[in-house]
């Protein structure tokens, strides 16, 4: 049974064609994957199914009704999980009351608890009061993503649109979410999956649509296995990440962490963590979602206060608070956030924000800072006409590259990258990794990569720390740890990533 149909859809904004002549149907019980590079038109197409895109020509039908800006789908018919979950969560409301309030829109009061627990289970989230009592900022990026998924599953929609649902998820959670999406489809729900994760597509998709520059260039169930279009072949080829050569040991400490304890409210998420990062180091910090990786990175960057322990930059003790650090210290440690959209001021053009970093932290004149910022952005494919726009006008991939330029232009001694490849298509991801490799070749900048993607770990890092439940449980050379994991947590991550064989995902539902 067809749940939704898009016929000859064209969407234009300010004279710019974002989607051109796109047609497809979504069937109950099937998962359709929409694949393509950042800015290819995937999200715009999905928004048309919600009545939130300005349809220029063509028609969108959902559950037998024509959908447009004046006639959105009825409540509960379509569920939408956005790529950036923090924008969909109320920062001043706890998770539990919001979920229960949503449940009351669909079921009787005495059924709300059961419906809420079902949604939490489907989204691979705990149902204890400790978790439900948290605010969004007390959750990891992966947990925020799953909370939004739970929001939408409470309504039991006929169509679920999942925009990069595995962004920021570790391999174990990614596999569990894949199983749950298959189970959702097994309940007769049509699923539209917008993703750059080609492995997820291979695991789940019944049908695959490849989009490039607003058009569907290839479609079918096996287009990744037998790509015919040049663009599809390029997407598949970009998955192959070449390992980075090991850097020579410098012996010069950049950042030292000693017995660090940190957490949220009364709950510790880091326990007595110690590590040293040397000049030129290539360090990956890996662990499941919520293990404490980002808390560690944010403590080093001065974005999260710690309870006890010590941080040093070179020989100087670092204040736990960003506002108490010197301008030199701010420049020497730069942080690229997982949610890059939230890290930009939405009212200031991207170019101005990048240039301000060079002006403020390096003392460049306004003109020189702007000139260098533009040249650096253009090297990563961000043209001047794009760079001079407000952040909301850029795609996720364009913002991610801009955020990297904003950090690198400060000429840091330590660059912290928090899930910077999550949510990027394989081509853009490969370009970003090339930039990081070039940075490693030409400077002594140390690199600290927070990631769930073990292929990225193997491609750009030499050393790896495995974090589980707020503790470093294993560390060593990347190649050795991934080839022969010694701790159970490491082995689970490596197995779920497919680097150690396991049983294939059951696609029969």
Protein backbone atom coordinates (compact mmCIF):
# COMPACT_ATOMS: atom_id res chain seq x y z
CA UNK A 1 0.00 0.00 0.00
CA UNK A 2 1.33 3.45 -0.93
CA UNK A 3 1.50 5.82 2.06
CA UNK A 4 3.03 8.84 0.31
CA UNK A 5 3.81 9.87 -3.24
CA UNK A 6 5.90 12.70 -4.66
CA UNK A 7 5.15 13.61 -8.28
CA UNK A 8 7.44 15.82 -10.39
CA UNK A 9 8.40 17.92 -7.34
CA UNK A 10 10.30 21.14 -7.98
CA UNK A 11 11.22 23.53 -5.16
CA UNK A 12 12.80 26.94 -5.76
CA UNK A 13 13.81 29.60 -3.23
CA UNK A 14 14.85 33.12 -4.26
CA UNK A 15 15.28 31.96 -7.84
CA UNK A 16 17.53 29.07 -6.82
CA UNK A 17 16.27 25.59 -7.73
CA UNK A 18 16.82 23.28 -4.75
CA UNK A 19 14.89 20.24 -6.02
CA UNK A 20 14.05 19.54 -9.66
CA UNK A 21 11.43 17.12 -11.06
CA UNK A 22 11.69 14.51 -8.27
CA UNK A 23 9.22 11.60 -8.21
CA UNK A 24 8.96 8.54 -5.94
CA UNK A 25 6.49 6.58 -3.82
CA UNK A 26 6.77 5.35 -0.23
CA UNK A 27 5.14 2.04 0.61
CA UNK A 28 3.86 0.83 3.98
CA UNK A 29 6.35 -1.51 5.63
CA UNK A 30 9.26 -0.47 3.40
CA UNK A 31 12.38 1.59 4.09
CA UNK A 32 13.39 3.98 1.34
CA UNK A 33 16.81 5.61 1.60
CA UNK A 34 17.49 9.03 0.12
CA UNK A 35 21.26 9.31 -0.35
CA UNK A 36 23.43 12.17 -1.57
CA UNK A 37 26.01 14.72 -0.60
CA UNK A 38 25.26 17.61 1.73
CA UNK A 39 23.15 20.18 -0.12
CA UNK A 40 21.84 17.69 -2.68
CA UNK A 41 18.19 18.37 -1.82
CA UNK A 42 17.40 15.44 0.50
CA UNK A 43 16.10 17.48 3.45
CA UNK A 44 14.17 19.87 1.19
CA UNK A 45 12.41 16.87 -0.37
CA UNK A 46 11.56 15.51 3.08
CA UNK A 47 10.23 18.89 4.22
CA UNK A 48 7.87 18.88 1.23
CA UNK A 49 6.24 15.77 2.72
CA UNK A 50 5.60 17.84 5.86
CA UNK A 51 4.18 20.78 3.94
CA UNK A 52 7.16 22.91 4.96
CA UNK A 53 8.85 23.45 1.59
CA UNK A 54 7.65 25.99 -1.00
CA UNK A 55 6.55 23.66 -3.81
CA UNK A 56 7.01 25.45 -7.14
CA UNK A 57 5.55 22.69 -9.34
CA UNK A 58 4.49 19.11 -8.82
CA UNK A 59 2.42 17.46 -6.12
CA UNK A 60 2.92 15.76 -2.76
CA UNK A 61 0.36 13.32 -1.36
CA UNK A 62 0.46 11.76 2.12
CA UNK A 63 -2.14 9.27 3.43
CA UNK A 64 -4.48 10.10 0.57
CA UNK A 65 -4.40 13.89 1.10
CA UNK A 66 -2.59 16.56 -0.92
CA UNK A 67 0.06 18.26 1.22
CA UNK A 68 1.34 21.81 0.80
CA UNK A 69 2.21 24.86 2.92
CA UNK A 70 -1.48 25.56 3.65
CA UNK A 71 -2.45 21.92 4.17
CA UNK A 72 0.16 20.07 6.27
CA UNK A 73 -0.39 16.42 7.22
CA UNK A 74 -2.75 15.75 10.13
CA UNK A 75 -1.18 15.40 13.57
CA UNK A 76 0.46 12.02 14.04
CA UNK A 77 0.38 11.00 10.36
CA UNK A 78 4.04 11.89 9.73
CA UNK A 79 6.86 11.71 12.26
CA UNK A 80 10.04 13.68 11.58
CA UNK A 81 13.42 13.20 13.30
CA UNK A 82 15.66 16.15 12.31
CA UNK A 83 19.41 15.93 11.77
CA UNK A 84 20.11 18.45 14.57
CA UNK A 85 18.16 17.15 17.59
CA UNK A 86 19.05 20.01 19.95
CA UNK A 87 16.90 22.35 17.84
CA UNK A 88 13.87 20.10 18.41
CA UNK A 89 14.22 19.85 22.21
CA UNK A 90 13.08 22.42 24.75
CA UNK A 91 16.20 23.30 26.78
CA UNK A 92 14.22 24.23 29.91
CA UNK A 93 12.05 21.11 30.10
CA UNK A 94 12.98 17.66 31.40
CA UNK A 95 12.72 14.68 29.06
CA UNK A 96 10.11 12.67 30.98
CA UNK A 97 7.33 15.28 31.29
CA UNK A 98 7.64 16.18 27.60
CA UNK A 99 7.29 12.55 26.51
CA UNK A 100 4.31 11.98 28.79
CA UNK A 101 2.65 15.17 27.56
CA UNK A 102 3.01 13.97 23.98
CA UNK A 103 1.57 10.59 24.94
CA UNK A 104 -1.61 12.25 26.24
CA UNK A 105 -2.24 13.63 22.74
CA UNK A 106 -2.69 10.12 21.38
CA UNK A 107 -3.93 7.79 24.13
CA UNK A 108 -6.01 7.82 27.32
CA UNK A 109 -4.29 8.94 30.51
CA UNK A 110 -4.05 5.36 31.86
CA UNK A 111 -2.18 4.26 28.69
CA UNK A 112 0.36 7.10 28.62
CA UNK A 113 2.99 5.30 30.68
CA UNK A 114 2.87 2.18 28.49
CA UNK A 115 3.05 4.21 25.27
CA UNK A 116 5.99 6.25 26.61
CA UNK A 117 7.93 3.16 27.71
CA UNK A 118 7.34 1.52 24.32
CA UNK A 119 8.75 4.58 22.54
CA UNK A 120 11.80 4.72 24.83
CA UNK A 121 12.50 1.02 24.24
CA UNK A 122 12.20 1.41 20.47
CA UNK A 123 14.65 4.34 20.58
CA UNK A 124 17.16 2.33 22.66
CA UNK A 125 16.84 4.62 25.71
CA UNK A 126 16.62 3.82 29.44
CA UNK A 127 13.22 4.32 31.08
CA UNK A 128 14.42 5.06 34.63
CA UNK A 129 13.40 8.23 36.42
CA UNK A 130 17.05 9.35 36.67
CA UNK A 131 17.26 9.53 32.87
CA UNK A 132 13.76 10.97 32.39
CA UNK A 133 14.59 13.70 34.90
CA UNK A 134 17.43 15.08 32.78
CA UNK A 135 17.40 18.22 30.65
CA UNK A 136 18.53 18.04 26.98
CA UNK A 137 21.91 19.64 27.72
CA UNK A 138 22.66 16.79 30.14
CA UNK A 139 22.45 14.24 27.32
CA UNK A 140 25.05 13.31 24.73
CA UNK A 141 24.38 14.18 21.10
CA UNK A 142 23.47 10.56 20.42
CA UNK A 143 21.04 10.46 23.35
CA UNK A 144 19.38 13.68 22.16
CA UNK A 145 18.91 12.11 18.74
CA UNK A 146 17.21 9.06 20.24
CA UNK A 147 14.97 11.19 22.50
CA UNK A 148 13.64 12.98 19.41
CA UNK A 149 13.06 9.58 17.78
CA UNK A 150 11.07 8.54 20.86
CA UNK A 151 9.01 11.76 20.55
CA UNK A 152 7.94 10.78 17.05
CA UNK A 153 7.33 7.09 17.76
CA UNK A 154 4.84 7.97 20.51
CA UNK A 155 2.41 9.08 17.80
CA UNK A 156 2.81 5.80 15.85
CA UNK A 157 2.84 7.62 12.51
CA UNK A 158 2.02 6.17 9.08
CA UNK A 159 5.25 7.70 7.73
CA UNK A 160 8.48 8.21 9.68
CA UNK A 161 11.11 10.52 8.20
CA UNK A 162 14.52 9.96 9.79
CA UNK A 163 17.08 12.62 8.82
CA UNK A 164 20.54 11.23 9.66
CA UNK A 165 19.28 9.17 12.64
CA UNK A 166 22.71 7.63 13.29
CA UNK A 167 24.54 10.97 13.47
CA UNK A 168 26.69 10.91 16.61
CA UNK A 169 25.76 7.30 17.47
CA UNK A 170 28.32 4.66 18.32
CA UNK A 171 28.40 1.46 16.25
CA UNK A 172 26.45 -0.56 18.83
CA UNK A 173 23.61 1.97 19.06
CA UNK A 174 23.66 2.39 15.27
CA UNK A 175 23.07 -1.33 14.84
CA UNK A 176 20.33 -1.37 17.49
CA UNK A 177 18.63 1.63 15.89
CA UNK A 178 18.86 -0.11 12.52
CA UNK A 179 17.06 -3.09 14.04
CA UNK A 180 14.41 -0.82 15.54
CA UNK A 181 13.84 1.00 12.23
CA UNK A 182 13.38 -2.39 10.61
CA UNK A 183 10.91 -3.27 13.41
CA UNK A 184 9.09 0.06 12.85
CA UNK A 185 8.73 -0.79 9.17
CA UNK A 186 7.54 -4.25 10.20
CA UNK A 187 4.57 -2.57 11.89
CA UNK A 188 3.42 -1.28 8.50
CA UNK A 189 4.98 2.18 8.81
CA UNK A 190 6.68 3.65 5.74
CA UNK A 191 10.19 4.88 6.59
CA UNK A 192 12.07 7.53 4.61
CA UNK A 193 15.72 7.45 5.63
CA UNK A 194 17.86 10.48 4.78
CA UNK A 195 21.45 9.51 5.34
CA UNK A 196 25.09 9.65 4.34
CA UNK A 197 25.71 6.34 6.12
CA UNK A 198 26.05 3.92 3.21
CA UNK A 199 26.55 0.93 5.52
CA UNK A 200 23.20 1.72 7.17
CA UNK A 201 21.62 1.91 3.72
CA UNK A 202 23.06 -1.48 2.80
CA UNK A 203 21.67 -2.98 6.02
CA UNK A 204 18.18 -1.51 5.80
CA UNK A 205 16.99 -0.04 2.54
CA UNK A 206 14.40 -1.77 0.36
CA UNK A 207 14.71 1.05 -2.17
CA UNK A 208 17.52 3.58 -2.69
CA UNK A 209 17.30 7.01 -4.34
CA UNK A 210 20.57 8.82 -5.08
CA UNK A 211 20.23 12.63 -5.25
CA UNK A 212 22.74 15.01 -6.79
CA UNK A 213 22.20 18.75 -7.23
CA UNK A 214 18.48 18.46 -6.55
CA UNK A 215 17.79 15.59 -8.94
CA UNK A 216 17.41 11.84 -8.52
CA UNK A 217 20.24 10.46 -10.68
CA UNK A 218 19.81 6.77 -9.85
CA UNK A 219 17.20 4.60 -8.12
CA UNK A 220 16.67 0.95 -7.28
CA UNK A 221 17.30 -1.65 -4.58
CA UNK A 222 20.93 -2.42 -5.55
CA UNK A 223 22.43 0.88 -6.70
CA UNK A 224 25.23 0.78 -4.11
CA UNK A 225 26.23 -2.74 -5.08
CA UNK A 226 26.04 -2.01 -8.82
CA UNK A 227 26.35 1.77 -9.25
CA UNK A 228 25.86 2.97 -12.80
CA UNK A 229 25.88 6.74 -12.46
CA UNK A 230 29.29 8.42 -12.09
CA UNK A 231 28.16 10.30 -8.96
CA UNK A 232 27.00 7.09 -7.22
CA UNK A 233 30.34 5.44 -8.01
CA UNK A 234 32.11 8.46 -6.49
CA UNK A 235 30.04 8.20 -3.28
CA UNK A 236 30.87 4.51 -2.91
CA UNK A 237 34.57 5.01 -3.71
CA UNK A 238 34.91 7.81 -1.12
CA UNK A 239 34.15 5.29 1.65
CA UNK A 240 37.61 3.81 1.31
CA UNK A 241 39.73 5.65 3.88
CA UNK A 242 43.50 5.35 3.55
CA UNK A 243 45.29 4.94 6.92
CA UNK A 244 47.33 7.95 8.03
CA UNK A 245 51.11 7.44 8.54
CA UNK A 246 52.28 7.44 12.14
CA UNK A 247 53.84 10.76 13.29
CA UNK A 248 57.27 10.82 14.94
CA UNK A 249 57.11 11.13 18.74
CA UNK A 250 57.74 14.75 19.73
CA UNK A 251 57.97 14.29 23.50
CA UNK A 252 56.63 17.86 23.93
CA UNK A 253 53.40 17.86 25.98
CA UNK A 254 50.69 20.22 24.75
CA UNK A 255 47.90 19.28 27.17
CA UNK A 256 48.16 17.15 30.32
CA UNK A 257 45.11 15.82 32.16
CA UNK A 258 45.52 14.45 35.68
CA UNK A 259 42.86 12.62 37.74
CA UNK A 260 39.98 14.54 36.14
CA UNK A 261 36.53 14.12 37.69
CA UNK A 262 33.52 15.81 36.06
CA UNK A 263 29.79 15.33 35.60
CA UNK A 264 26.31 16.82 35.52
CA UNK A 265 24.61 17.92 38.72
CA UNK A 266 25.38 15.18 41.26
CA UNK A 267 26.22 12.47 38.71
CA UNK A 268 29.88 11.95 37.75
CA UNK A 269 30.44 11.08 34.08
CA UNK A 270 34.27 11.13 34.25
CA UNK A 271 36.22 9.27 36.95
CA UNK A 272 39.94 9.96 37.60
CA UNK A 273 40.84 10.34 33.91
CA UNK A 274 44.51 11.02 33.06
CA UNK A 275 46.20 11.46 29.68
CA UNK A 276 48.89 13.47 27.88
CA UNK A 277 48.65 14.89 24.36
CA UNK A 278 51.95 15.75 22.68
CA UNK A 279 52.72 18.12 19.79
CA UNK A 280 51.83 16.43 16.52
CA UNK A 281 49.84 13.71 18.29
CA UNK A 282 46.95 12.03 16.47
CA UNK A 283 44.64 10.81 19.23
CA UNK A 284 41.18 9.27 18.95
CA UNK A 285 38.83 9.09 21.94
CA UNK A 286 36.26 6.39 21.30
CA UNK A 287 33.35 4.97 23.27
CA UNK A 288 29.65 4.33 23.16
CA UNK A 289 27.19 7.20 23.29
CA UNK A 290 27.10 8.73 26.78
CA UNK A 291 30.43 7.20 27.87
CA UNK A 292 31.97 10.58 28.75
CA UNK A 293 33.99 11.33 25.59
CA UNK A 294 32.49 14.73 24.89
CA UNK A 295 32.58 15.69 28.58
CA UNK A 296 36.35 15.06 28.55
CA UNK A 297 36.81 17.13 25.39
CA UNK A 298 34.67 19.99 26.71
CA UNK A 299 36.61 20.06 29.99
CA UNK A 300 39.87 20.44 28.06
CA UNK A 301 38.33 23.20 25.95
CA UNK A 302 37.00 25.05 29.02
CA UNK A 303 33.36 24.47 28.11
CA UNK A 304 32.52 22.18 31.03
CA UNK A 305 33.73 22.74 34.63
CA UNK A 306 35.35 19.78 36.36
CA UNK A 307 35.00 18.85 40.03
CA UNK A 308 38.60 17.87 40.73
CA UNK A 309 41.88 17.09 39.01
CA UNK A 310 44.21 19.28 36.96
CA UNK A 311 44.59 20.50 33.38
CA UNK A 312 47.83 21.94 32.01
CA UNK A 313 48.60 23.64 28.72
CA UNK A 314 52.34 23.12 28.39
CA UNK A 315 53.57 23.90 31.90
CA UNK A 316 50.76 26.34 32.80
CA UNK A 317 47.71 25.28 34.80
CA UNK A 318 44.50 25.82 32.83
CA UNK A 319 41.45 27.36 34.42
CA UNK A 320 38.40 25.11 34.15
CA UNK A 321 36.37 28.08 32.89
CA UNK A 322 36.79 29.45 29.38
CA UNK A 323 36.21 33.06 30.42
CA UNK A 324 39.21 32.91 32.79
CA UNK A 325 41.67 31.72 30.16
CA UNK A 326 44.02 34.12 28.39
CA UNK A 327 43.67 35.02 24.72
CA UNK A 328 46.77 32.96 23.96
CA UNK A 329 45.29 29.93 25.71
CA UNK A 330 42.02 30.37 23.81
CA UNK A 331 43.90 30.37 20.50
CA UNK A 332 46.03 27.34 21.39
CA UNK A 333 43.04 25.03 22.04
CA UNK A 334 40.30 25.08 19.41
CA UNK A 335 37.11 23.02 19.44
CA UNK A 336 34.94 21.95 16.49
CA UNK A 337 31.51 21.06 17.86
CA UNK A 338 29.36 18.09 16.92
CA UNK A 339 26.33 20.37 16.46
CA UNK A 340 27.98 22.98 14.25
CA UNK A 341 24.73 24.78 13.50
CA UNK A 342 24.29 25.61 17.19
CA UNK A 343 27.92 26.82 17.40
CA UNK A 344 27.34 29.68 14.93
CA UNK A 345 25.56 32.97 15.66
CA UNK A 346 22.48 32.68 13.46
CA UNK A 347 22.35 36.45 12.83
CA UNK A 348 25.95 36.94 11.57
CA UNK A 349 27.26 35.80 8.15
CA UNK A 350 29.57 32.79 8.31
CA UNK A 351 32.51 34.64 6.71
CA UNK A 352 32.36 37.36 9.38
CA UNK A 353 32.43 34.77 12.17
CA UNK A 354 35.42 32.95 10.69
CA UNK A 355 37.29 36.21 10.12
CA UNK A 356 36.59 37.37 13.67
CA UNK A 357 38.52 34.39 15.04
CA UNK A 358 41.67 35.42 13.15
CA UNK A 359 41.16 39.06 14.09
CA UNK A 360 40.54 38.43 17.79
CA UNK A 361 42.92 35.55 18.52
CA UNK A 362 45.78 36.35 16.14
CA UNK A 363 45.58 40.14 16.07
CA UNK A 364 45.09 40.43 12.28
CA UNK A 365 43.54 43.56 10.83
CA UNK A 366 39.91 43.32 9.77
CA UNK A 367 40.85 43.35 6.09
CA UNK A 368 43.63 40.73 6.44
CA UNK A 369 41.45 38.50 8.60
CA UNK A 370 38.61 38.62 6.09
CA UNK A 371 40.97 37.94 3.17
CA UNK A 372 42.55 34.92 4.88
CA UNK A 373 39.18 33.59 6.05
CA UNK A 374 37.72 33.74 2.54
CA UNK A 375 40.76 32.04 1.00
CA UNK A 376 40.61 29.26 3.62
CA UNK A 377 36.87 28.73 3.11
CA UNK A 378 37.26 28.59 -0.66
CA UNK A 379 39.93 25.88 -0.32
CA UNK A 380 37.24 23.73 1.31
CA UNK A 381 34.70 24.50 -1.40
CA UNK A 382 32.80 27.30 0.38
CA UNK A 383 32.45 30.00 -2.28
CA UNK A 384 32.19 33.68 -1.36
CA UNK A 385 28.49 33.83 -2.30
CA UNK A 386 27.87 30.99 0.20
CA UNK A 387 30.25 32.25 2.91
CA UNK A 388 28.53 35.66 3.04
CA UNK A 389 25.17 34.09 3.90
CA UNK A 390 23.67 33.52 7.34
CA UNK A 391 24.31 30.05 8.84
CA UNK A 392 20.73 28.86 8.27
CA UNK A 393 21.26 29.20 4.51
CA UNK A 394 24.15 26.71 4.48
CA UNK A 395 23.84 22.93 4.37
CA UNK A 396 25.09 20.79 7.25
CA UNK A 397 28.23 19.88 5.32
CA UNK A 398 28.98 23.49 4.40
CA UNK A 399 28.62 24.54 8.05
CA UNK A 400 30.84 21.67 9.21
CA UNK A 401 33.62 22.73 6.82
CA UNK A 402 33.18 26.36 7.87
CA UNK A 403 33.49 25.39 11.55
CA UNK A 404 36.72 23.54 10.81
CA UNK A 405 38.16 26.58 9.02
CA UNK A 406 37.11 28.82 11.93
CA UNK A 407 39.10 26.62 14.32
CA UNK A 408 42.16 26.07 12.13
CA UNK A 409 42.51 29.78 11.29
CA UNK A 410 43.41 30.40 14.96
CA UNK A 411 46.58 28.31 14.39
CA UNK A 412 45.99 26.12 17.46
CA UNK A 413 48.38 23.73 19.20
CA UNK A 414 45.48 21.34 19.87
CA UNK A 415 42.47 20.88 17.61
CA UNK A 416 39.56 18.99 19.19
CA UNK A 417 37.13 17.53 16.64
CA UNK A 418 33.89 16.26 18.17
CA UNK A 419 32.14 13.93 15.69
CA UNK A 420 32.97 16.26 12.81
CA UNK A 421 32.33 13.63 10.13
CA UNK A 422 28.97 12.46 11.50
CA UNK A 423 26.14 13.45 9.18
CA UNK A 424 28.48 14.14 6.24
CA UNK A 425 28.31 12.36 2.92
CA UNK A 426 31.28 10.18 2.03
CA UNK A 427 32.69 12.66 -0.50
CA UNK A 428 32.60 15.62 1.92
CA UNK A 429 33.93 13.40 4.71
CA UNK A 430 36.91 12.39 2.54
CA UNK A 431 37.61 16.07 1.74
CA UNK A 432 37.49 16.96 5.44
CA UNK A 433 39.87 14.16 6.37
CA UNK A 434 42.26 15.35 3.65
CA UNK A 435 42.29 18.79 5.29
CA UNK A 436 43.14 17.24 8.66
CA UNK A 437 45.91 15.13 7.11
CA UNK A 438 47.34 18.23 5.45
CA UNK A 439 47.25 20.05 8.80
CA UNK A 440 49.18 17.17 10.36
CA UNK A 441 51.78 17.21 7.57
CA UNK A 442 52.42 20.94 7.67
CA UNK A 443 52.19 21.82 11.39
CA UNK A 444 52.84 20.39 14.85
CA UNK A 445 49.16 20.81 15.76
CA UNK A 446 47.94 17.92 17.90
CA UNK A 447 44.64 16.36 16.89
CA UNK A 448 42.09 14.96 19.33
CA UNK A 449 39.22 13.23 17.53
CA UNK A 450 36.03 12.34 19.41
CA UNK A 451 34.19 9.84 17.23
CA UNK A 452 32.14 6.68 16.94
CA UNK A 453 33.39 5.98 13.42
CA UNK A 454 36.22 3.47 13.63
CA UNK A 455 37.04 3.89 9.93
CA UNK A 456 37.81 7.55 10.68
CA UNK A 457 39.86 6.47 13.70
CA UNK A 458 41.90 4.16 11.47
CA UNK A 459 42.24 6.82 8.78
CA UNK A 460 43.55 9.86 10.66
CA UNK A 461 44.75 8.82 14.12
CA UNK A 462 47.79 6.97 15.39
CA UNK A 463 46.75 6.48 19.02
CA UNK A 464 43.37 5.58 20.54
CA UNK A 465 41.75 5.77 23.98
CA UNK A 466 38.64 3.70 24.68
CA UNK A 467 36.30 5.32 27.22
CA UNK A 468 33.55 3.36 28.95
CA UNK A 469 31.39 4.58 31.83
CA UNK A 470 33.63 7.62 32.31
CA UNK A 471 36.92 5.69 32.54
CA UNK A 472 39.73 4.94 30.12
CA UNK A 473 39.53 1.16 29.82
CA UNK A 474 42.02 0.62 26.99
CA UNK A 475 44.60 2.61 25.06
CA UNK A 476 47.40 2.06 22.60
CA UNK A 477 48.34 2.28 18.93
CA UNK A 478 45.23 2.51 16.76
CA UNK A 479 46.12 -0.37 14.44
CA UNK A 480 46.94 -2.70 17.35
CA UNK A 481 43.88 -1.89 19.48
CA UNK A 482 41.44 -2.26 16.57
CA UNK A 483 43.07 -5.48 15.34
CA UNK A 484 43.20 -7.13 18.77
CA UNK A 485 40.88 -5.41 21.30
CA UNK A 486 41.63 -6.40 24.87
CA UNK A 487 38.65 -4.95 26.77
CA UNK A 488 35.04 -6.09 26.38
CA UNK A 489 33.87 -2.53 25.60
CA UNK A 490 36.44 -2.22 22.81
CA UNK A 491 35.55 -5.60 21.38
CA UNK A 492 31.84 -4.69 21.35
CA UNK A 493 32.56 -1.44 19.45
CA UNK A 494 34.87 -3.15 16.96
CA UNK A 495 32.40 -5.99 16.39
CA UNK A 496 29.47 -3.62 15.88
CA UNK A 497 31.56 -1.63 13.38
CA UNK A 498 32.04 -4.72 11.26
CA UNK A 499 35.81 -4.94 11.82
CA UNK A 500 35.20 -8.32 13.50
CA UNK A 501 32.67 -10.67 11.92
CA UNK A 502 29.23 -11.01 13.46
CA UNK A 503 25.85 -12.28 12.41
CA UNK A 504 24.28 -10.16 9.63
CA UNK A 505 21.28 -7.97 10.44
CA UNK A 506 17.99 -9.75 9.80
CA UNK A 507 16.25 -7.70 7.10
CA UNK A 508 13.09 -9.77 7.06
CA UNK A 509 11.64 -7.81 9.99
